[in-house]
C-alpha cells in the first residue's frame, strides 16, 4: 500500500499543516454505531491525492476509553 504512495510522492508530511483538521473527514454511519474517518495524506507537492480510511467502532471506543479504529484502506482518491 504505502510503497505505491512512494512511487508518486517522496514522503508523507507530518507538519502542522498536514495535521490540520481540514484534512480529516468524519462520516457517521446510518446506524450511528461507527464513523468512517478519511485522513488526507499530505505530500510535499500538496497534490493531496491519497487518503487513509478508518472505521471507528464507537461502542468499543467508549468501553476502552480511547479510540478503537480499524484501517480500511490506504489509497488514491482517484
PDB file of N, CA and C in Angstrom:
ATOM      1  N   UNK A   1       0.814  -1.189   0.000  1.00  0.00           N
ATOM      2  CA  UNK A   1       0.000   0.000   0.000  1.00  0.00           C
ATOM      3  C   UNK A   1       0.862   1.259   0.000  1.00  0.00           C
ATOM      4  N   UNK A   2       1.664   1.412   1.029  1.00  0.00           N
ATOM      5  CA  UNK A   2       2.468   2.626   1.171  1.00  0.00           C
ATOM      6  C   UNK A   2       3.543   2.683   0.085  1.00  0.00           C
ATOM      7  N   UNK A   3       3.998   1.529  -0.391  1.00  0.00           N
ATOM      8  CA  UNK A   3       5.005   1.512  -1.449  1.00  0.00           C
ATOM      9  C   UNK A   3       4.484   2.218  -2.695  1.00  0.00           C
ATOM     10  N   UNK A   4       3.209   2.010  -3.031  1.00  0.00           N
ATOM     11  CA  UNK A   4       2.610   2.672  -4.198  1.00  0.00           C
ATOM     12  C   UNK A   4       2.570   4.187  -4.001  1.00  0.00           C
ATOM     13  N   UNK A   5       2.324   4.623  -2.774  1.00  0.00           N
ATOM     14  CA  UNK A   5       2.340   6.064  -2.477  1.00  0.00           C
ATOM     15  C   UNK A   5       3.713   6.642  -2.789  1.00  0.00           C
ATOM     16  N   UNK A   6       4.757   5.933  -2.381  1.00  0.00           N
ATOM     17  CA  UNK A   6       6.120   6.436  -2.558  1.00  0.00           C
ATOM     18  C   UNK A   6       6.571   6.438  -4.014  1.00  0.00           C
ATOM     19  N   UNK A   7       5.872   5.727  -4.878  1.00  0.00           N
ATOM     20  CA  UNK A   7       6.162   5.814  -6.306  1.00  0.00           C
ATOM     21  C   UNK A   7       5.794   7.210  -6.807  1.00  0.00           C
ATOM     22  N   UNK A   8       4.727   7.782  -6.243  1.00  0.00           N
ATOM     23  CA  UNK A   8       4.236   9.086  -6.678  1.00  0.00           C
ATOM     24  C   UNK A   8       4.761  10.252  -5.848  1.00  0.00           C
ATOM     25  N   UNK A   9       5.098   9.990  -4.576  1.00  0.00           N
ATOM     26  CA  UNK A   9       5.471  11.071  -3.666  1.00  0.00           C
ATOM     27  C   UNK A   9       6.701  10.682  -2.846  1.00  0.00           C
ATOM     28  N   UNK A  10       7.500  11.698  -2.527  1.00  0.00           N
ATOM     29  CA  UNK A  10       8.738  11.495  -1.777  1.00  0.00           C
ATOM     30  C   UNK A  10       8.474  11.025  -0.348  1.00  0.00           C
ATOM     31  N   UNK A  11       7.535  11.684   0.336  1.00  0.00           N
ATOM     32  CA  UNK A  11       7.225  11.321   1.715  1.00  0.00           C
ATOM     33  C   UNK A  11       5.859  11.875   2.109  1.00  0.00           C
ATOM     34  N   UNK A  12       5.356  11.436   3.238  1.00  0.00           N
ATOM     35  CA  UNK A  12       4.118  11.956   3.809  1.00  0.00           C
ATOM     36  C   UNK A  12       4.500  13.066   4.776  1.00  0.00           C
ATOM     37  N   UNK A  13       3.891  14.218   4.618  1.00  0.00           N
ATOM     38  CA  UNK A  13       4.176  15.341   5.514  1.00  0.00           C
ATOM     39  C   UNK A  13       3.506  15.110   6.869  1.00  0.00           C
ATOM     40  N   UNK A  14       4.195  15.471   7.924  1.00  0.00           N
ATOM     41  CA  UNK A  14       3.680  15.333   9.287  1.00  0.00           C
ATOM     42  C   UNK A  14       3.730  16.664  10.037  1.00  0.00           C
ATOM     43  N   UNK A  15       3.879  17.745   9.300  1.00  0.00           N
ATOM     44  CA  UNK A  15       3.991  19.072   9.902  1.00  0.00           C
ATOM     45  C   UNK A  15       2.623  19.588  10.360  1.00  0.00           C
ATOM     46  N   UNK A  16       2.575  20.744  11.005  1.00  0.00           N
ATOM     47  CA  UNK A  16       1.286  21.277  11.485  1.00  0.00           C
ATOM     48  C   UNK A  16       0.235  21.408  10.381  1.00  0.00           C
ATOM     49  N   UNK A  17       0.638  21.806   9.180  1.00  0.00           N
ATOM     50  CA  UNK A  17      -0.324  21.897   8.082  1.00  0.00           C
ATOM     51  C   UNK A  17      -0.947  20.528   7.793  1.00  0.00           C
ATOM     52  N   UNK A  18      -0.148  19.497   7.764  1.00  0.00           N
ATOM     53  CA  UNK A  18      -0.660  18.149   7.475  1.00  0.00           C
ATOM     54  C   UNK A  18      -1.602  17.658   8.570  1.00  0.00           C
ATOM     55  N   UNK A  19      -1.383  18.093   9.796  1.00  0.00           N
ATOM     56  CA  UNK A  19      -2.222  17.658  10.927  1.00  0.00           C
ATOM     57  C   UNK A  19      -3.456  18.533  11.106  1.00  0.00           C
ATOM     58  N   UNK A  20      -3.599  19.549  10.276  1.00  0.00           N
ATOM     59  CA  UNK A  20      -4.743  20.459  10.373  1.00  0.00           C
ATOM     60  C   UNK A  20      -6.050  19.685  10.183  1.00  0.00           C
ATOM     61  N   UNK A  21      -7.058  20.045  10.944  1.00  0.00           N
ATOM     62  CA  UNK A  21      -8.350  19.347  10.903  1.00  0.00           C
ATOM     63  C   UNK A  21      -8.997  19.381   9.521  1.00  0.00           C
ATOM     64  N   UNK A  22      -8.619  20.333   8.685  1.00  0.00           N
ATOM     65  CA  UNK A  22      -9.232  20.393   7.353  1.00  0.00           C
ATOM     66  C   UNK A  22      -8.871  19.182   6.492  1.00  0.00           C
ATOM     67  N   UNK A  23      -7.903  18.382   6.926  1.00  0.00           N
ATOM     68  CA  UNK A  23      -7.504  17.195   6.181  1.00  0.00           C
ATOM     69  C   UNK A  23      -8.164  15.919   6.717  1.00  0.00           C
ATOM     70  N   UNK A  24      -9.087  16.069   7.654  1.00  0.00           N
ATOM     71  CA  UNK A  24      -9.769  14.924   8.257  1.00  0.00           C
ATOM     72  C   UNK A  24     -11.267  15.044   8.032  1.00  0.00           C
ATOM     73  N   UNK A  25     -11.869  13.959   7.554  1.00  0.00           N
ATOM     74  CA  UNK A  25     -13.304  13.936   7.260  1.00  0.00           C
ATOM     75  C   UNK A  25     -13.939  12.793   8.038  1.00  0.00           C
ATOM     76  N   UNK A  26     -15.012  13.082   8.760  1.00  0.00           N
ATOM     77  CA  UNK A  26     -15.700  12.083   9.578  1.00  0.00           C
ATOM     78  C   UNK A  26     -17.131  11.959   9.085  1.00  0.00           C
ATOM     79  N   UNK A  27     -17.547  10.718   8.795  1.00  0.00           N
ATOM     80  CA  UNK A  27     -18.908  10.461   8.327  1.00  0.00           C
ATOM     81  C   UNK A  27     -19.533   9.406   9.241  1.00  0.00           C
ATOM     82  N   UNK A  28     -20.546   9.791  10.039  1.00  0.00           N
ATOM     83  CA  UNK A  28     -21.231   8.810  10.890  1.00  0.00           C
ATOM     84  C   UNK A  28     -22.014   7.815  10.030  1.00  0.00           C
ATOM     85  N   UNK A  29     -22.047   6.556  10.467  1.00  0.00           N
ATOM     86  CA  UNK A  29     -22.852   5.558   9.753  1.00  0.00           C
ATOM     87  C   UNK A  29     -24.329   5.812  10.020  1.00  0.00           C
ATOM     88  N   UNK A  30     -25.177   5.241   9.184  1.00  0.00           N
ATOM     89  CA  UNK A  30     -26.618   5.423   9.353  1.00  0.00           C
ATOM     90  C   UNK A  30     -27.106   4.862  10.681  1.00  0.00           C
ATOM     91  N   UNK A  31     -26.497   3.754  11.127  1.00  0.00           N
ATOM     92  CA  UNK A  31     -26.930   3.139  12.394  1.00  0.00           C
ATOM     93  C   UNK A  31     -26.280   3.787  13.617  1.00  0.00           C
ATOM     94  N   UNK A  32     -25.418   4.777  13.387  1.00  0.00           N
ATOM     95  CA  UNK A  32     -24.749   5.541  14.461  1.00  0.00           C
ATOM     96  C   UNK A  32     -23.827   4.689  15.340  1.00  0.00           C
ATOM     97  N   UNK A  33     -23.403   3.515  14.836  1.00  0.00           N
ATOM     98  CA  UNK A  33     -22.516   2.641  15.611  1.00  0.00           C
ATOM     99  C   UNK A  33     -21.048   2.834  15.258  1.00  0.00           C
ATOM    100  N   UNK A  34     -20.808   3.382  14.082  1.00  0.00           N
ATOM    101  CA  UNK A  34     -19.431   3.582  13.629  1.00  0.00           C
ATOM    102  C   UNK A  34     -19.307   4.929  12.933  1.00  0.00           C
ATOM    103  N   UNK A  35     -18.071   5.359  12.782  1.00  0.00           N
ATOM    104  CA  UNK A  35     -17.740   6.513  11.959  1.00  0.00           C
ATOM    105  C   UNK A  35     -16.770   6.040  10.891  1.00  0.00           C
ATOM    106  N   UNK A  36     -16.879   6.611   9.707  1.00  0.00           N
ATOM    107  CA  UNK A  36     -15.862   6.412   8.681  1.00  0.00           C
ATOM    108  C   UNK A  36     -15.003   7.667   8.708  1.00  0.00           C
ATOM    109  N   UNK A  37     -13.723   7.494   8.915  1.00  0.00           N
ATOM    110  CA  UNK A  37     -12.801   8.624   9.000  1.00  0.00           C
ATOM    111  C   UNK A  37     -11.828   8.526   7.835  1.00  0.00           C
ATOM    112  N   UNK A  38     -11.719   9.621   7.121  1.00  0.00           N
ATOM    113  CA  UNK A  38     -10.803   9.694   5.997  1.00  0.00           C
ATOM    114  C   UNK A  38      -9.769  10.764   6.313  1.00  0.00           C
ATOM    115  N   UNK A  39      -8.511  10.368   6.348  1.00  0.00           N
ATOM    116  CA  UNK A  39      -7.408  11.290   6.630  1.00  0.00           C
ATOM    117  C   UNK A  39      -6.600  11.497   5.363  1.00  0.00           C
ATOM    118  N   UNK A  40      -6.571  12.736   4.904  1.00  0.00           N
ATOM    119  CA  UNK A  40      -5.783  13.072   3.726  1.00  0.00           C
ATOM    120  C   UNK A  40      -4.305  12.898   4.056  1.00  0.00           C
ATOM    121  N   UNK A  41      -3.570  12.260   3.157  1.00  0.00           N
ATOM    122  CA  UNK A  41      -2.123  12.137   3.307  1.00  0.00           C
ATOM    123  C   UNK A  41      -1.500  13.300   2.548  1.00  0.00           C
ATOM    124  N   UNK A  42      -1.015  14.266   3.278  1.00  0.00           N
ATOM    125  CA  UNK A  42      -0.469  15.482   2.680  1.00  0.00           C
ATOM    126  C   UNK A  42       0.952  15.204   2.200  1.00  0.00           C
ATOM    127  N   UNK A  43       1.190  15.541   0.935  1.00  0.00           N
ATOM    128  CA  UNK A  43       2.507  15.303   0.335  1.00  0.00           C
ATOM    129  C   UNK A  43       3.215  16.641   0.089  1.00  0.00           C
ATOM    130  N   UNK A  44       4.531  16.604  -0.118  1.00  0.00           N
ATOM    131  CA  UNK A  44       5.296  17.837  -0.281  1.00  0.00           C
ATOM    132  C   UNK A  44       4.819  18.711  -1.446  1.00  0.00           C
ATOM    133  N   UNK A  45       4.293  18.081  -2.493  1.00  0.00           N
ATOM    134  CA  UNK A  45       3.821  18.837  -3.649  1.00  0.00           C
ATOM    135  C   UNK A  45       2.409  19.386  -3.441  1.00  0.00           C
ATOM    136  N   UNK A  46       1.786  18.996  -2.348  1.00  0.00           N
ATOM    137  CA  UNK A  46       0.421  19.365  -1.996  1.00  0.00           C
ATOM    138  C   UNK A  46      -0.598  18.913  -3.040  1.00  0.00           C
ATOM    139  N   UNK A  47      -0.312  17.748  -3.662  1.00  0.00           N
ATOM    140  CA  UNK A  47      -1.308  17.121  -4.530  1.00  0.00           C
ATOM    141  C   UNK A  47      -2.453  16.582  -3.677  1.00  0.00           C
ATOM    142  N   UNK A  48      -2.083  16.068  -2.498  1.00  0.00           N
ATOM    143  CA  UNK A  48      -3.055  15.545  -1.530  1.00  0.00           C
ATOM    144  C   UNK A  48      -4.063  14.621  -2.204  1.00  0.00           C
ATOM    145  N   UNK A  49      -3.533  13.638  -2.909  1.00  0.00           N
ATOM    146  CA  UNK A  49      -4.361  12.740  -3.698  1.00  0.00           C
ATOM    147  C   UNK A  49      -4.410  11.313  -3.138  1.00  0.00           C
ATOM    148  N   UNK A  50      -3.963  11.152  -1.896  1.00  0.00           N
ATOM    149  CA  UNK A  50      -4.031   9.854  -1.217  1.00  0.00           C
ATOM    150  C   UNK A  50      -4.685  10.032   0.143  1.00  0.00           C
ATOM    151  N   UNK A  51      -5.367   8.988   0.618  1.00  0.00           N
ATOM    152  CA  UNK A  51      -6.036   9.020   1.916  1.00  0.00           C
ATOM    153  C   UNK A  51      -5.805   7.714   2.671  1.00  0.00           C
ATOM    154  N   UNK A  52      -5.927   7.812   3.977  1.00  0.00           N
ATOM    155  CA  UNK A  52      -6.024   6.633   4.838  1.00  0.00           C
ATOM    156  C   UNK A  52      -7.461   6.639   5.355  1.00  0.00           C
ATOM    157  N   UNK A  53      -8.156   5.524   5.187  1.00  0.00           N
ATOM    158  CA  UNK A  53      -9.545   5.430   5.634  1.00  0.00           C
ATOM    159  C   UNK A  53      -9.644   4.450   6.791  1.00  0.00           C
ATOM    160  N   UNK A  54     -10.365   4.867   7.827  1.00  0.00           N
ATOM    161  CA  UNK A  54     -10.534   4.081   9.043  1.00  0.00           C
ATOM    162  C   UNK A  54     -12.012   3.939   9.366  1.00  0.00           C
ATOM    163  N   UNK A  55     -12.329   2.900  10.118  1.00  0.00           N
ATOM    164  CA  UNK A  55     -13.654   2.763  10.712  1.00  0.00           C
ATOM    165  C   UNK A  55     -13.477   2.820  12.219  1.00  0.00           C
ATOM    166  N   UNK A  56     -14.222   3.701  12.874  1.00  0.00           N
ATOM    167  CA  UNK A  56     -14.162   3.844  14.329  1.00  0.00           C
ATOM    168  C   UNK A  56     -15.389   3.160  14.919  1.00  0.00           C
ATOM    169  N   UNK A  57     -15.171   2.178  15.769  1.00  0.00           N
ATOM    170  CA  UNK A  57     -16.256   1.493  16.478  1.00  0.00           C
ATOM    171  C   UNK A  57     -16.541   2.299  17.741  1.00  0.00           C
ATOM    172  N   UNK A  58     -17.695   2.955  17.777  1.00  0.00           N
ATOM    173  CA  UNK A  58     -17.998   3.865  18.879  1.00  0.00           C
ATOM    174  C   UNK A  58     -18.208   3.134  20.200  1.00  0.00           C
ATOM    175  N   UNK A  59     -18.866   1.976  20.203  1.00  0.00           N
ATOM    176  CA  UNK A  59     -19.083   1.223  21.439  1.00  0.00           C
ATOM    177  C   UNK A  59     -17.752   0.741  22.014  1.00  0.00           C
ATOM    178  N   UNK A  60     -16.899   0.198  21.165  1.00  0.00           N
ATOM    179  CA  UNK A  60     -15.577  -0.252  21.620  1.00  0.00           C
ATOM    180  C   UNK A  60     -14.756   0.925  22.133  1.00  0.00           C
ATOM    181  N   UNK A  61     -14.851   2.055  21.461  1.00  0.00           N
ATOM    182  CA  UNK A  61     -14.111   3.249  21.890  1.00  0.00           C
ATOM    183  C   UNK A  61     -14.553   3.688  23.280  1.00  0.00           C
ATOM    184  N   UNK A  62     -15.869   3.685  23.511  1.00  0.00           N
ATOM    185  CA  UNK A  62     -16.368   4.061  24.844  1.00  0.00           C
ATOM    186  C   UNK A  62     -15.904   3.061  25.902  1.00  0.00           C
ATOM    187  N   UNK A  63     -15.969   1.773  25.590  1.00  0.00           N
ATOM    188  CA  UNK A  63     -15.575   0.733  26.543  1.00  0.00           C
ATOM    189  C   UNK A  63     -14.089   0.826  26.897  1.00  0.00           C
ATOM    190  N   UNK A  64     -13.273   1.138  25.916  1.00  0.00           N
ATOM    191  CA  UNK A  64     -11.824   1.216  26.136  1.00  0.00           C
ATOM    192  C   UNK A  64     -11.378   2.574  26.681  1.00  0.00           C
ATOM    193  N   UNK A  65     -12.205   3.583  26.497  1.00  0.00           N
ATOM    194  CA  UNK A  65     -11.821   4.930  26.917  1.00  0.00           C
ATOM    195  C   UNK A  65     -10.822   5.582  25.981  1.00  0.00           C
ATOM    196  N   UNK A  66     -10.713   5.058  24.768  1.00  0.00           N
ATOM    197  CA  UNK A  66      -9.826   5.612  23.746  1.00  0.00           C
ATOM    198  C   UNK A  66     -10.337   5.156  22.380  1.00  0.00           C
ATOM    199  N   UNK A  67      -9.940   5.845  21.321  1.00  0.00           N
ATOM    200  CA  UNK A  67     -10.444   5.460  20.006  1.00  0.00           C
ATOM    201  C   UNK A  67     -10.071   4.028  19.638  1.00  0.00           C
ATOM    202  N   UNK A  68     -11.058   3.299  19.128  1.00  0.00           N
ATOM    203  CA  UNK A  68     -10.839   1.951  18.614  1.00  0.00           C
ATOM    204  C   UNK A  68     -11.139   2.011  17.125  1.00  0.00           C
ATOM    205  N   UNK A  69     -10.090   1.900  16.321  1.00  0.00           N
ATOM    206  CA  UNK A  69     -10.302   2.027  14.888  1.00  0.00           C
ATOM    207  C   UNK A  69      -9.618   0.924  14.116  1.00  0.00           C
ATOM    208  N   UNK A  70     -10.170   0.690  12.923  1.00  0.00           N
ATOM    209  CA  UNK A  70      -9.617  -0.299  12.000  1.00  0.00           C
ATOM    210  C   UNK A  70      -9.220   0.422  10.719  1.00  0.00           C
ATOM    211  N   UNK A  71      -8.031   0.138  10.250  1.00  0.00           N
ATOM    212  CA  UNK A  71      -7.601   0.676   8.971  1.00  0.00           C
ATOM    213  C   UNK A  71      -8.346  -0.073   7.883  1.00  0.00           C
ATOM    214  N   UNK A  72      -9.062   0.641   7.046  1.00  0.00           N
ATOM    215  CA  UNK A  72      -9.804   0.032   5.930  1.00  0.00           C
ATOM    216  C   UNK A  72      -9.023   0.062   4.651  1.00  0.00           C
ATOM    217  N   UNK A  73      -8.329   1.155   4.402  1.00  0.00           N
ATOM    218  CA  UNK A  73      -7.502   1.216   3.187  1.00  0.00           C
ATOM    219  C   UNK A  73      -6.587   2.434   3.217  1.00  0.00           C
ATOM    220  N   UNK A  74      -5.513   2.338   2.499  1.00  0.00           N
ATOM    221  CA  UNK A  74      -4.679   3.477   2.163  1.00  0.00           C
ATOM    222  C   UNK A  74      -4.630   3.466   0.655  1.00  0.00           C
ATOM    223  N   UNK A  75      -5.045   4.555   0.046  1.00  0.00           N
ATOM    224  CA  UNK A  75      -5.075   4.547  -1.406  1.00  0.00           C
ATOM    225  C   UNK A  75      -5.331   5.901  -2.010  1.00  0.00           C
ATOM    226  N   UNK A  76      -5.342   5.903  -3.311  1.00  0.00           N
ATOM    227  CA  UNK A  76      -5.557   7.114  -4.086  1.00  0.00           C
ATOM    228  C   UNK A  76      -7.007   7.554  -3.991  1.00  0.00           C
ATOM    229  N   UNK A  77      -7.219   8.852  -4.057  1.00  0.00           N
ATOM    230  CA  UNK A  77      -8.571   9.397  -4.113  1.00  0.00           C
ATOM    231  C   UNK A  77      -9.243   9.069  -5.437  1.00  0.00           C
ATOM    232  N   UNK A  78      -8.455   8.917  -6.459  1.00  0.00           N
ATOM    233  CA  UNK A  78      -8.985   8.698  -7.813  1.00  0.00           C
ATOM    234  C   UNK A  78      -9.433   7.274  -8.004  1.00  0.00           C
TER     235      UNK A  78
END
